[in-house]
N, C-alpha and C. Protein backbone atom coordinates (compact mmCIF):
# COMPACT_ATOMS: atom_id res chain seq x y z
N MET A 1 27.49 76.94 54.64
CA MET A 1 26.54 76.83 55.74
C MET A 1 26.51 78.11 56.57
N LEU A 2 27.68 78.59 56.96
CA LEU A 2 27.79 79.83 57.73
C LEU A 2 28.67 80.82 56.97
N LYS A 3 28.17 82.02 56.79
CA LYS A 3 28.92 83.07 56.08
C LYS A 3 29.09 84.26 57.01
N ILE A 4 30.34 84.63 57.27
CA ILE A 4 30.67 85.77 58.13
C ILE A 4 31.21 86.86 57.21
N THR A 5 30.60 88.05 57.27
CA THR A 5 30.96 89.11 56.34
C THR A 5 31.30 90.39 57.09
N ASP A 6 32.58 90.78 57.02
CA ASP A 6 33.07 92.07 57.53
C ASP A 6 32.58 92.37 58.95
N VAL A 7 32.73 91.40 59.83
CA VAL A 7 32.23 91.53 61.21
C VAL A 7 33.24 92.30 62.08
N LYS A 8 32.69 93.26 62.82
CA LYS A 8 33.47 94.01 63.80
C LYS A 8 32.78 93.90 65.16
N VAL A 9 33.60 93.74 66.21
CA VAL A 9 33.06 93.64 67.57
C VAL A 9 33.89 94.53 68.48
N GLU A 10 33.20 95.30 69.32
CA GLU A 10 33.88 96.22 70.24
C GLU A 10 33.68 95.79 71.69
N TYR A 11 34.73 95.98 72.48
CA TYR A 11 34.67 95.83 73.93
C TYR A 11 35.00 97.18 74.54
N GLY A 12 34.04 97.83 75.16
CA GLY A 12 34.32 99.10 75.84
C GLY A 12 35.04 100.11 74.98
N GLY A 13 34.60 100.22 73.72
CA GLY A 13 35.19 101.20 72.82
C GLY A 13 36.43 100.71 72.10
N ILE A 14 36.93 99.54 72.46
CA ILE A 14 38.11 98.96 71.78
C ILE A 14 37.63 97.91 70.79
N GLU A 15 38.08 98.02 69.56
CA GLU A 15 37.67 97.08 68.52
C GLU A 15 38.49 95.80 68.63
N ALA A 16 37.82 94.72 69.10
CA ALA A 16 38.50 93.44 69.30
C ALA A 16 38.54 92.62 68.02
N VAL A 17 37.51 92.77 67.17
CA VAL A 17 37.45 92.10 65.87
C VAL A 17 37.27 93.17 64.82
N LYS A 18 38.14 93.18 63.81
CA LYS A 18 38.27 94.33 62.91
C LYS A 18 37.96 93.97 61.45
N GLY A 19 36.72 93.62 61.20
CA GLY A 19 36.32 93.36 59.83
C GLY A 19 36.69 91.98 59.33
N VAL A 20 36.23 90.96 60.04
CA VAL A 20 36.56 89.57 59.72
C VAL A 20 35.52 88.98 58.77
N SER A 21 36.00 88.28 57.74
CA SER A 21 35.11 87.59 56.79
C SER A 21 35.67 86.19 56.51
N PHE A 22 34.80 85.18 56.60
CA PHE A 22 35.17 83.83 56.18
C PHE A 22 33.91 82.98 56.08
N ASP A 23 34.05 81.80 55.46
CA ASP A 23 32.92 80.89 55.28
C ASP A 23 33.20 79.57 56.00
N VAL A 24 32.12 78.93 56.44
CA VAL A 24 32.19 77.57 56.99
C VAL A 24 31.33 76.67 56.11
N PRO A 25 31.94 75.86 55.25
CA PRO A 25 31.16 75.00 54.35
C PRO A 25 30.50 73.85 55.13
N GLU A 26 29.36 73.43 54.65
CA GLU A 26 28.62 72.35 55.30
C GLU A 26 29.44 71.05 55.28
N GLY A 27 29.43 70.37 56.43
CA GLY A 27 30.09 69.08 56.55
C GLY A 27 31.59 69.13 56.77
N LYS A 28 32.15 70.32 56.90
CA LYS A 28 33.61 70.46 57.04
C LYS A 28 34.00 70.83 58.47
N ILE A 29 35.30 70.72 58.75
CA ILE A 29 35.89 71.23 59.99
C ILE A 29 36.71 72.46 59.62
N VAL A 30 36.36 73.59 60.21
CA VAL A 30 37.07 74.85 59.98
C VAL A 30 37.66 75.29 61.32
N THR A 31 38.92 75.70 61.31
CA THR A 31 39.55 76.12 62.56
C THR A 31 40.10 77.54 62.47
N LEU A 32 40.03 78.23 63.60
CA LEU A 32 40.67 79.54 63.77
C LEU A 32 41.82 79.34 64.75
N ILE A 33 43.03 79.69 64.35
CA ILE A 33 44.16 79.63 65.27
C ILE A 33 44.73 81.03 65.44
N GLY A 34 45.50 81.20 66.50
CA GLY A 34 46.09 82.50 66.77
C GLY A 34 46.42 82.62 68.25
N ALA A 35 47.15 83.68 68.58
CA ALA A 35 47.58 83.89 69.96
C ALA A 35 46.41 84.33 70.84
N ASN A 36 46.61 84.31 72.15
CA ASN A 36 45.63 84.86 73.08
C ASN A 36 45.34 86.31 72.73
N GLY A 37 44.07 86.68 72.78
CA GLY A 37 43.71 88.07 72.50
C GLY A 37 43.58 88.41 71.04
N ALA A 38 43.67 87.40 70.17
CA ALA A 38 43.58 87.67 68.72
C ALA A 38 42.15 87.96 68.28
N GLY A 39 41.17 87.55 69.10
CA GLY A 39 39.77 87.80 68.75
C GLY A 39 39.00 86.55 68.37
N LYS A 40 39.63 85.38 68.50
CA LYS A 40 39.01 84.12 68.06
C LYS A 40 37.73 83.82 68.86
N SER A 41 37.84 83.85 70.17
CA SER A 41 36.69 83.54 71.02
C SER A 41 35.59 84.58 70.86
N THR A 42 35.98 85.82 70.63
CA THR A 42 35.00 86.89 70.42
C THR A 42 34.15 86.61 69.19
N VAL A 43 34.77 86.08 68.14
CA VAL A 43 34.02 85.72 66.94
C VAL A 43 32.96 84.67 67.26
N LEU A 44 33.35 83.62 68.00
CA LEU A 44 32.39 82.57 68.34
C LEU A 44 31.25 83.09 69.21
N LYS A 45 31.59 83.92 70.18
CA LYS A 45 30.55 84.47 71.06
C LYS A 45 29.58 85.35 70.28
N SER A 46 30.08 86.05 69.28
CA SER A 46 29.22 86.91 68.45
C SER A 46 28.30 86.07 67.58
N ILE A 47 28.83 85.00 66.99
CA ILE A 47 27.99 84.11 66.18
C ILE A 47 26.88 83.52 67.03
N SER A 48 27.21 83.14 68.27
CA SER A 48 26.25 82.42 69.12
C SER A 48 25.27 83.33 69.83
N GLY A 49 25.41 84.65 69.65
CA GLY A 49 24.46 85.59 70.24
C GLY A 49 24.82 86.08 71.63
N LEU A 50 25.99 85.71 72.14
CA LEU A 50 26.41 86.17 73.46
C LEU A 50 26.99 87.58 73.41
N LEU A 51 27.46 87.98 72.25
CA LEU A 51 27.93 89.35 72.02
C LEU A 51 27.26 89.88 70.76
N LYS A 52 27.05 91.19 70.70
CA LYS A 52 26.45 91.79 69.51
C LYS A 52 27.56 92.49 68.72
N PRO A 53 27.69 92.16 67.43
CA PRO A 53 28.70 92.85 66.61
C PRO A 53 28.32 94.30 66.37
N SER A 54 29.32 95.15 66.23
CA SER A 54 29.06 96.56 65.93
C SER A 54 28.86 96.78 64.44
N ALA A 55 29.29 95.83 63.62
CA ALA A 55 29.10 95.91 62.17
C ALA A 55 29.26 94.52 61.59
N GLY A 56 28.78 94.35 60.35
CA GLY A 56 28.94 93.08 59.66
C GLY A 56 27.72 92.19 59.76
N LYS A 57 27.85 90.97 59.24
CA LYS A 57 26.69 90.10 59.11
C LYS A 57 27.07 88.63 59.28
N PHE A 58 26.19 87.88 59.97
CA PHE A 58 26.28 86.43 60.06
C PHE A 58 25.08 85.83 59.35
N GLU A 59 25.32 84.93 58.39
CA GLU A 59 24.23 84.23 57.72
C GLU A 59 24.43 82.73 57.91
N PHE A 60 23.38 82.07 58.45
CA PHE A 60 23.42 80.63 58.65
C PHE A 60 22.33 79.99 57.81
N LEU A 61 22.74 79.17 56.83
CA LEU A 61 21.78 78.55 55.90
C LEU A 61 20.82 79.59 55.32
N ASP A 62 21.41 80.71 54.90
CA ASP A 62 20.70 81.82 54.25
C ASP A 62 19.78 82.60 55.19
N THR A 63 19.83 82.32 56.50
CA THR A 63 19.07 83.10 57.48
C THR A 63 20.01 84.08 58.17
N ASP A 64 19.60 85.35 58.24
CA ASP A 64 20.41 86.36 58.91
C ASP A 64 20.26 86.17 60.42
N ILE A 65 21.34 85.79 61.10
CA ILE A 65 21.30 85.59 62.55
C ILE A 65 22.05 86.68 63.30
N THR A 66 22.43 87.74 62.60
CA THR A 66 23.23 88.82 63.19
C THR A 66 22.48 89.46 64.35
N GLY A 67 23.09 89.47 65.54
CA GLY A 67 22.52 90.14 66.69
C GLY A 67 21.32 89.47 67.30
N LYS A 68 20.95 88.28 66.81
CA LYS A 68 19.82 87.55 67.40
C LYS A 68 20.22 86.99 68.76
N ASP A 69 19.20 86.68 69.58
CA ASP A 69 19.55 86.13 70.90
C ASP A 69 19.97 84.67 70.78
N ALA A 70 20.62 84.19 71.85
CA ALA A 70 21.23 82.86 71.82
C ALA A 70 20.19 81.76 71.60
N ALA A 71 19.00 81.91 72.21
CA ALA A 71 17.96 80.87 72.06
C ALA A 71 17.52 80.74 70.60
N PHE A 72 17.38 81.87 69.91
CA PHE A 72 17.01 81.82 68.50
C PHE A 72 18.08 81.09 67.70
N ILE A 73 19.34 81.39 67.98
CA ILE A 73 20.44 80.81 67.21
C ILE A 73 20.56 79.31 67.47
N VAL A 74 20.38 78.88 68.72
CA VAL A 74 20.35 77.44 69.02
C VAL A 74 19.21 76.78 68.27
N GLY A 75 18.07 77.46 68.22
CA GLY A 75 16.92 76.94 67.50
C GLY A 75 17.15 76.77 66.00
N GLN A 76 18.08 77.56 65.45
CA GLN A 76 18.44 77.43 64.04
C GLN A 76 19.38 76.25 63.79
N GLY A 77 20.01 75.75 64.87
CA GLY A 77 20.90 74.60 64.72
C GLY A 77 22.37 74.92 64.95
N VAL A 78 22.66 75.97 65.72
CA VAL A 78 24.04 76.36 66.02
C VAL A 78 24.26 76.30 67.53
N THR A 79 25.25 75.55 67.99
CA THR A 79 25.55 75.50 69.42
C THR A 79 27.02 75.80 69.67
N LEU A 80 27.30 76.21 70.90
CA LEU A 80 28.66 76.58 71.32
C LEU A 80 29.09 75.73 72.51
N VAL A 81 30.29 75.14 72.42
CA VAL A 81 30.95 74.55 73.58
C VAL A 81 31.91 75.62 74.09
N PRO A 82 31.58 76.28 75.21
CA PRO A 82 32.35 77.46 75.60
C PRO A 82 33.73 77.11 76.17
N GLU A 83 34.61 78.07 76.11
CA GLU A 83 35.91 77.93 76.77
C GLU A 83 35.68 77.76 78.27
N GLY A 84 36.43 76.83 78.88
CA GLY A 84 36.27 76.61 80.31
C GLY A 84 35.11 75.69 80.65
N ARG A 85 34.48 75.10 79.63
CA ARG A 85 33.45 74.06 79.74
C ARG A 85 32.11 74.59 80.24
N LYS A 86 32.09 75.34 81.35
CA LYS A 86 30.85 75.95 81.86
C LYS A 86 29.73 74.93 82.07
N ILE A 87 30.09 73.77 82.58
CA ILE A 87 29.05 72.81 82.93
C ILE A 87 28.37 73.24 84.23
N PHE A 88 27.23 72.64 84.53
CA PHE A 88 26.53 72.92 85.78
C PHE A 88 27.05 71.94 86.83
N SER A 89 27.95 72.43 87.69
CA SER A 89 28.69 71.53 88.59
C SER A 89 27.81 70.90 89.66
N ASP A 90 26.70 71.55 90.04
CA ASP A 90 25.82 71.02 91.08
C ASP A 90 24.74 70.09 90.53
N LEU A 91 24.70 69.92 89.21
CA LEU A 91 23.74 69.01 88.58
C LEU A 91 24.46 67.73 88.16
N THR A 92 23.71 66.65 88.03
CA THR A 92 24.32 65.39 87.60
C THR A 92 24.68 65.46 86.12
N VAL A 93 25.46 64.49 85.69
CA VAL A 93 25.81 64.37 84.27
C VAL A 93 24.54 64.29 83.43
N LEU A 94 23.60 63.45 83.84
CA LEU A 94 22.36 63.28 83.08
C LEU A 94 21.56 64.58 83.03
N GLU A 95 21.51 65.30 84.14
CA GLU A 95 20.78 66.57 84.16
C GLU A 95 21.42 67.60 83.24
N ASN A 96 22.76 67.62 83.20
CA ASN A 96 23.46 68.50 82.27
C ASN A 96 23.09 68.17 80.82
N LEU A 97 23.03 66.88 80.51
CA LEU A 97 22.70 66.46 79.15
C LEU A 97 21.26 66.83 78.80
N LYS A 98 20.35 66.67 79.74
CA LYS A 98 18.95 67.04 79.50
C LYS A 98 18.81 68.53 79.24
N ILE A 99 19.60 69.35 79.93
CA ILE A 99 19.56 70.80 79.70
C ILE A 99 19.98 71.11 78.26
N GLY A 100 20.92 70.33 77.74
CA GLY A 100 21.33 70.53 76.35
C GLY A 100 20.19 70.34 75.37
N ALA A 101 19.20 69.55 75.75
CA ALA A 101 18.06 69.25 74.86
C ALA A 101 16.83 70.07 75.21
N TYR A 102 17.00 71.14 76.00
CA TYR A 102 15.83 71.82 76.57
C TYR A 102 14.91 72.45 75.52
N MET A 103 15.42 72.77 74.32
CA MET A 103 14.58 73.40 73.30
C MET A 103 13.90 72.39 72.38
N ARG A 104 14.23 71.13 72.54
CA ARG A 104 13.68 70.13 71.63
C ARG A 104 12.27 69.71 72.03
N LYS A 105 11.43 69.52 71.03
CA LYS A 105 10.06 69.07 71.27
C LYS A 105 9.92 67.56 71.01
N ASP A 106 10.93 66.98 70.32
CA ASP A 106 10.88 65.56 69.99
C ASP A 106 11.60 64.75 71.07
N SER A 107 11.60 63.44 70.93
CA SER A 107 12.31 62.57 71.87
C SER A 107 13.81 62.66 71.62
N TYR A 108 14.57 62.75 72.71
CA TYR A 108 16.03 62.81 72.57
C TYR A 108 16.68 61.53 73.08
N ALA A 109 15.90 60.47 73.27
CA ALA A 109 16.44 59.21 73.83
C ALA A 109 17.56 58.64 72.96
N ALA A 110 17.39 58.68 71.64
CA ALA A 110 18.40 58.13 70.75
C ALA A 110 19.70 58.94 70.83
N ASP A 111 19.56 60.26 70.97
CA ASP A 111 20.76 61.10 71.08
C ASP A 111 21.48 60.87 72.41
N LEU A 112 20.71 60.63 73.46
CA LEU A 112 21.32 60.33 74.76
C LEU A 112 22.13 59.03 74.66
N GLU A 113 21.58 58.04 73.98
CA GLU A 113 22.32 56.79 73.78
C GLU A 113 23.58 57.02 72.95
N TRP A 114 23.49 57.91 71.94
CA TRP A 114 24.68 58.22 71.14
C TRP A 114 25.75 58.87 72.00
N MET A 115 25.33 59.79 72.91
CA MET A 115 26.30 60.44 73.80
C MET A 115 27.00 59.41 74.68
N TYR A 116 26.23 58.43 75.17
CA TYR A 116 26.82 57.41 76.02
C TYR A 116 27.73 56.47 75.21
N GLU A 117 27.41 56.30 73.93
CA GLU A 117 28.27 55.51 73.05
C GLU A 117 29.56 56.27 72.74
N LEU A 118 29.41 57.57 72.50
CA LEU A 118 30.55 58.43 72.17
C LEU A 118 31.45 58.64 73.39
N PHE A 119 30.82 58.78 74.56
CA PHE A 119 31.54 59.06 75.80
C PHE A 119 31.13 58.04 76.88
N PRO A 120 31.67 56.82 76.84
CA PRO A 120 31.28 55.80 77.81
C PRO A 120 31.47 56.24 79.27
N ARG A 121 32.46 57.10 79.51
CA ARG A 121 32.69 57.57 80.89
C ARG A 121 31.48 58.33 81.43
N LEU A 122 30.79 59.03 80.55
CA LEU A 122 29.61 59.79 80.99
C LEU A 122 28.48 58.84 81.40
N LYS A 123 28.36 57.72 80.71
CA LYS A 123 27.33 56.74 81.10
C LYS A 123 27.66 56.16 82.48
N GLU A 124 28.94 55.88 82.70
CA GLU A 124 29.37 55.35 83.99
C GLU A 124 29.09 56.33 85.12
N ARG A 125 29.15 57.62 84.80
CA ARG A 125 29.03 58.67 85.82
C ARG A 125 27.72 59.47 85.71
N ALA A 126 26.71 58.87 85.10
CA ALA A 126 25.46 59.59 84.81
C ALA A 126 24.85 60.25 86.04
N TRP A 127 25.04 59.64 87.21
CA TRP A 127 24.40 60.16 88.42
C TRP A 127 25.36 60.95 89.30
N GLN A 128 26.59 61.14 88.84
CA GLN A 128 27.54 61.99 89.57
C GLN A 128 27.29 63.45 89.23
N HIS A 129 27.58 64.31 90.21
CA HIS A 129 27.53 65.75 89.95
C HIS A 129 28.66 66.13 88.99
N GLY A 130 28.38 67.08 88.10
CA GLY A 130 29.37 67.51 87.11
C GLY A 130 30.66 68.00 87.74
N GLY A 131 30.54 68.62 88.90
CA GLY A 131 31.72 69.18 89.56
C GLY A 131 32.68 68.14 90.08
N THR A 132 32.25 66.88 90.17
CA THR A 132 33.13 65.82 90.67
C THR A 132 33.93 65.15 89.55
N LEU A 133 33.66 65.53 88.30
CA LEU A 133 34.36 64.92 87.16
C LEU A 133 35.75 65.50 87.00
N SER A 134 36.63 64.74 86.33
CA SER A 134 37.95 65.26 85.98
C SER A 134 37.81 66.31 84.88
N GLY A 135 38.90 67.03 84.61
CA GLY A 135 38.86 68.06 83.56
C GLY A 135 38.49 67.48 82.20
N GLY A 136 39.06 66.33 81.86
CA GLY A 136 38.75 65.70 80.58
C GLY A 136 37.31 65.25 80.50
N GLU A 137 36.79 64.71 81.61
CA GLU A 137 35.39 64.27 81.64
C GLU A 137 34.44 65.46 81.55
N GLN A 138 34.80 66.57 82.18
CA GLN A 138 33.97 67.77 82.08
C GLN A 138 33.94 68.29 80.65
N GLN A 139 35.07 68.20 79.94
CA GLN A 139 35.09 68.62 78.54
C GLN A 139 34.20 67.71 77.70
N MET A 140 34.26 66.42 77.95
CA MET A 140 33.37 65.48 77.27
C MET A 140 31.91 65.85 77.51
N LEU A 141 31.59 66.19 78.76
CA LEU A 141 30.22 66.55 79.11
C LEU A 141 29.79 67.83 78.41
N ALA A 142 30.69 68.80 78.32
CA ALA A 142 30.36 70.06 77.63
C ALA A 142 30.06 69.82 76.16
N VAL A 143 30.86 68.96 75.53
CA VAL A 143 30.62 68.63 74.11
C VAL A 143 29.31 67.87 73.96
N ALA A 144 29.10 66.87 74.82
CA ALA A 144 27.88 66.07 74.74
C ALA A 144 26.64 66.91 74.99
N ARG A 145 26.71 67.82 75.94
CA ARG A 145 25.56 68.71 76.23
C ARG A 145 25.20 69.53 75.00
N ALA A 146 26.21 70.05 74.30
CA ALA A 146 25.95 70.83 73.09
C ALA A 146 25.34 69.96 71.99
N LEU A 147 25.80 68.72 71.88
CA LEU A 147 25.29 67.82 70.84
C LEU A 147 23.85 67.39 71.10
N MET A 148 23.41 67.47 72.35
CA MET A 148 22.04 67.05 72.69
C MET A 148 20.97 67.91 72.02
N SER A 149 21.35 69.10 71.57
CA SER A 149 20.37 69.94 70.85
C SER A 149 20.26 69.53 69.38
N ARG A 150 21.03 68.51 68.98
CA ARG A 150 21.11 68.02 67.60
C ARG A 150 21.46 69.16 66.65
N PRO A 151 22.64 69.78 66.83
CA PRO A 151 23.01 70.94 66.01
C PRO A 151 23.44 70.54 64.60
N LYS A 152 23.28 71.47 63.69
CA LYS A 152 23.86 71.32 62.35
C LYS A 152 25.31 71.81 62.35
N LEU A 153 25.57 72.81 63.19
CA LEU A 153 26.92 73.38 63.35
C LEU A 153 27.24 73.46 64.83
N ILE A 154 28.37 72.87 65.23
CA ILE A 154 28.83 72.99 66.61
C ILE A 154 30.13 73.78 66.62
N MET A 155 30.19 74.80 67.49
CA MET A 155 31.39 75.62 67.64
C MET A 155 32.07 75.23 68.96
N MET A 156 33.37 75.03 68.91
CA MET A 156 34.12 74.62 70.10
C MET A 156 35.21 75.64 70.39
N ASP A 157 35.21 76.15 71.61
CA ASP A 157 36.17 77.18 72.00
C ASP A 157 37.21 76.57 72.94
N GLU A 158 38.40 76.34 72.42
CA GLU A 158 39.54 75.80 73.17
C GLU A 158 39.21 74.48 73.88
N PRO A 159 38.76 73.46 73.15
CA PRO A 159 38.40 72.21 73.82
C PRO A 159 39.55 71.48 74.49
N SER A 160 40.80 71.76 74.09
CA SER A 160 41.94 71.04 74.68
C SER A 160 42.58 71.79 75.84
N LEU A 161 42.06 72.97 76.18
CA LEU A 161 42.70 73.83 77.18
C LEU A 161 42.82 73.14 78.53
N GLY A 162 44.05 73.06 79.04
CA GLY A 162 44.30 72.54 80.38
C GLY A 162 44.24 71.03 80.50
N LEU A 163 44.18 70.32 79.38
CA LEU A 163 44.07 68.87 79.43
C LEU A 163 45.41 68.19 79.15
N ALA A 164 45.59 67.00 79.72
CA ALA A 164 46.82 66.22 79.48
C ALA A 164 46.88 65.78 78.02
N PRO A 165 48.10 65.61 77.48
CA PRO A 165 48.25 65.26 76.05
C PRO A 165 47.44 64.05 75.61
N LEU A 166 47.37 63.01 76.44
CA LEU A 166 46.62 61.80 76.07
C LEU A 166 45.12 62.12 75.94
N ILE A 167 44.61 62.95 76.85
CA ILE A 167 43.19 63.34 76.81
C ILE A 167 42.94 64.22 75.59
N VAL A 168 43.90 65.09 75.27
CA VAL A 168 43.77 65.97 74.10
C VAL A 168 43.59 65.14 72.83
N ARG A 169 44.40 64.10 72.68
CA ARG A 169 44.28 63.24 71.50
C ARG A 169 42.89 62.61 71.43
N GLY A 170 42.38 62.21 72.58
CA GLY A 170 41.04 61.63 72.62
C GLY A 170 39.97 62.63 72.22
N ILE A 171 40.11 63.88 72.66
CA ILE A 171 39.14 64.92 72.31
C ILE A 171 39.14 65.16 70.80
N PHE A 172 40.32 65.18 70.19
CA PHE A 172 40.39 65.40 68.74
C PHE A 172 39.86 64.19 67.96
N ASP A 173 40.02 62.99 68.50
CA ASP A 173 39.39 61.82 67.87
C ASP A 173 37.87 61.97 67.89
N ILE A 174 37.35 62.49 69.00
CA ILE A 174 35.90 62.70 69.12
C ILE A 174 35.44 63.76 68.12
N ILE A 175 36.23 64.83 67.95
CA ILE A 175 35.88 65.88 66.98
C ILE A 175 35.74 65.28 65.58
N LYS A 176 36.68 64.42 65.22
CA LYS A 176 36.61 63.78 63.89
C LYS A 176 35.38 62.87 63.78
N GLU A 177 35.07 62.16 64.85
CA GLU A 177 33.91 61.24 64.84
C GLU A 177 32.60 62.03 64.71
N ILE A 178 32.49 63.14 65.44
CA ILE A 178 31.29 63.99 65.34
C ILE A 178 31.12 64.48 63.91
N ASN A 179 32.22 64.90 63.30
CA ASN A 179 32.16 65.40 61.93
C ASN A 179 31.75 64.29 60.96
N LYS A 180 32.22 63.07 61.18
CA LYS A 180 31.83 61.93 60.34
C LYS A 180 30.33 61.69 60.39
N ARG A 181 29.71 62.05 61.53
CA ARG A 181 28.25 61.88 61.69
C ARG A 181 27.46 62.99 61.00
N GLY A 182 28.18 63.91 60.32
CA GLY A 182 27.50 64.93 59.54
C GLY A 182 27.38 66.29 60.20
N VAL A 183 28.01 66.47 61.36
CA VAL A 183 27.95 67.76 62.05
C VAL A 183 29.11 68.63 61.59
N THR A 184 28.80 69.83 61.12
CA THR A 184 29.83 70.80 60.73
C THR A 184 30.46 71.38 61.99
N ILE A 185 31.77 71.65 61.95
CA ILE A 185 32.48 72.10 63.15
C ILE A 185 33.28 73.36 62.86
N LEU A 186 33.13 74.36 63.74
CA LEU A 186 33.97 75.55 63.75
C LEU A 186 34.75 75.52 65.05
N LEU A 187 36.07 75.41 64.93
CA LEU A 187 36.94 75.13 66.07
C LEU A 187 37.90 76.29 66.32
N VAL A 188 37.91 76.79 67.55
CA VAL A 188 38.93 77.74 67.99
C VAL A 188 39.88 76.99 68.91
N GLU A 189 41.17 77.04 68.61
CA GLU A 189 42.09 76.17 69.33
C GLU A 189 43.50 76.75 69.35
N GLN A 190 44.12 76.74 70.55
CA GLN A 190 45.51 77.18 70.66
C GLN A 190 46.50 76.08 70.29
N ASN A 191 46.06 74.82 70.38
CA ASN A 191 46.92 73.72 69.95
C ASN A 191 46.86 73.66 68.42
N ALA A 192 47.64 74.52 67.81
CA ALA A 192 47.56 74.71 66.35
C ALA A 192 47.90 73.43 65.60
N ASN A 193 48.85 72.67 66.10
CA ASN A 193 49.26 71.45 65.40
C ASN A 193 48.09 70.47 65.28
N MET A 194 47.43 70.19 66.39
CA MET A 194 46.30 69.26 66.37
C MET A 194 45.13 69.82 65.56
N ALA A 195 44.86 71.11 65.72
CA ALA A 195 43.74 71.73 65.02
C ALA A 195 43.93 71.67 63.51
N LEU A 196 45.14 71.97 63.04
CA LEU A 196 45.40 71.98 61.60
C LEU A 196 45.39 70.56 61.02
N GLN A 197 45.74 69.58 61.85
CA GLN A 197 45.72 68.20 61.36
C GLN A 197 44.30 67.72 61.05
N VAL A 198 43.31 68.21 61.81
CA VAL A 198 41.94 67.73 61.59
C VAL A 198 41.13 68.67 60.68
N ALA A 199 41.63 69.89 60.46
CA ALA A 199 40.84 70.90 59.75
C ALA A 199 40.85 70.72 58.24
N ASP A 200 39.68 70.91 57.64
CA ASP A 200 39.61 71.01 56.18
C ASP A 200 40.11 72.38 55.73
N PHE A 201 39.67 73.42 56.46
CA PHE A 201 40.08 74.80 56.16
C PHE A 201 40.49 75.49 57.46
N ALA A 202 41.41 76.43 57.34
CA ALA A 202 41.94 77.09 58.54
C ALA A 202 42.22 78.57 58.27
N TYR A 203 42.09 79.35 59.33
CA TYR A 203 42.35 80.79 59.28
C TYR A 203 43.22 81.17 60.47
N VAL A 204 44.18 82.05 60.22
CA VAL A 204 45.02 82.59 61.28
C VAL A 204 44.52 83.98 61.63
N MET A 205 44.23 84.21 62.93
CA MET A 205 43.82 85.53 63.39
C MET A 205 44.93 86.18 64.19
N GLU A 206 45.17 87.45 63.90
CA GLU A 206 46.15 88.25 64.66
C GLU A 206 45.53 89.62 64.90
N THR A 207 45.50 90.02 66.17
CA THR A 207 44.97 91.33 66.58
C THR A 207 43.68 91.72 65.86
N GLY A 208 42.73 90.79 65.87
CA GLY A 208 41.40 91.09 65.37
C GLY A 208 41.20 90.96 63.88
N ARG A 209 42.23 90.51 63.17
CA ARG A 209 42.11 90.36 61.71
C ARG A 209 42.56 88.97 61.27
N ILE A 210 42.03 88.50 60.16
CA ILE A 210 42.51 87.26 59.55
C ILE A 210 43.70 87.60 58.65
N THR A 211 44.83 86.96 58.94
CA THR A 211 46.05 87.28 58.22
C THR A 211 46.49 86.18 57.25
N LYS A 212 45.98 84.97 57.45
CA LYS A 212 46.32 83.86 56.55
C LYS A 212 45.13 82.91 56.48
N SER A 213 45.01 82.22 55.35
CA SER A 213 43.97 81.20 55.22
C SER A 213 44.44 80.14 54.25
N GLY A 214 43.83 78.98 54.34
CA GLY A 214 44.17 77.87 53.44
C GLY A 214 43.61 76.58 53.99
N THR A 215 43.97 75.47 53.39
CA THR A 215 43.58 74.19 53.96
C THR A 215 44.43 73.94 55.21
N GLY A 216 44.00 72.98 56.02
CA GLY A 216 44.79 72.64 57.20
C GLY A 216 46.19 72.21 56.82
N LYS A 217 46.30 71.40 55.77
CA LYS A 217 47.62 70.91 55.33
C LYS A 217 48.51 72.05 54.85
N GLU A 218 47.92 73.01 54.13
CA GLU A 218 48.70 74.14 53.63
C GLU A 218 49.29 74.95 54.78
N LEU A 219 48.49 75.21 55.80
CA LEU A 219 48.99 76.03 56.91
C LEU A 219 49.96 75.24 57.79
N LEU A 220 49.78 73.92 57.85
CA LEU A 220 50.74 73.10 58.61
C LEU A 220 52.14 73.20 58.05
N SER A 221 52.24 73.41 56.73
CA SER A 221 53.55 73.48 56.09
C SER A 221 53.97 74.90 55.76
N ASP A 222 53.19 75.90 56.19
CA ASP A 222 53.53 77.30 55.93
C ASP A 222 54.64 77.73 56.89
N PRO A 223 55.80 78.22 56.38
CA PRO A 223 56.92 78.56 57.26
C PRO A 223 56.57 79.56 58.35
N ALA A 224 55.76 80.59 58.02
CA ALA A 224 55.42 81.59 59.03
C ALA A 224 54.54 81.00 60.12
N VAL A 225 53.59 80.15 59.74
CA VAL A 225 52.73 79.49 60.72
C VAL A 225 53.54 78.52 61.59
N MET A 226 54.45 77.79 60.92
CA MET A 226 55.31 76.85 61.67
C MET A 226 56.14 77.58 62.72
N ALA A 227 56.68 78.73 62.34
CA ALA A 227 57.54 79.48 63.27
C ALA A 227 56.74 80.08 64.42
N ALA A 228 55.54 80.60 64.10
CA ALA A 228 54.76 81.33 65.10
C ALA A 228 53.95 80.42 66.02
N TYR A 229 53.43 79.31 65.47
CA TYR A 229 52.44 78.54 66.24
C TYR A 229 52.80 77.07 66.44
N LEU A 230 53.76 76.56 65.68
CA LEU A 230 54.08 75.14 65.78
C LEU A 230 55.45 74.89 66.40
N GLY A 231 56.16 75.96 66.75
CA GLY A 231 57.44 75.81 67.44
C GLY A 231 58.52 75.21 66.58
N THR A 232 58.41 75.38 65.23
CA THR A 232 59.45 74.82 64.34
C THR A 232 59.91 75.87 63.36
């Protein structure tokens, strides 16, 4: 579904991503794990059009999306749940969800009902301002807002960041449920243990390069990955 080929991204003359290549197969969950500053989030921002790569290519369903603006990429069926949620705190939950569907020309009523089914707390709080929600509820809203565009591929940047362990488990259950509904997922996550448990395929990034790859199960049992990211 998504093919990344030899992508390089620079920040102020410093190469943050150094020739990264990998594939995201349709219908699968693919995760990138690695330490802070490894370049994981930069890859997602580049795919979504928020950053322009200095070299390389992104192909989504055989369409070249390299360097295209974010609106074009959303229109192709790719959305990003950004790190830190970035919800509109002064708007209600419902208004946030409607913004997620802003490019759609068809009715989104059925998708809104699905969001309320997936996240009952959001239905309860539909008229509350986003800024009054808890951290876990804001993360739910960020995911639901991205899903309102009816994406083929959803990218999630650190969805468990700053959340209590019980809420984290709930977020990963939601990730699996979204995938069961046919949405392909590209996940960047520091909680390597949880990410590898749900991933079909996984890549380890270190200082802008991919250093290991395999299935989620293979990397869960890889001694180097266990020592570096799983605390064992």
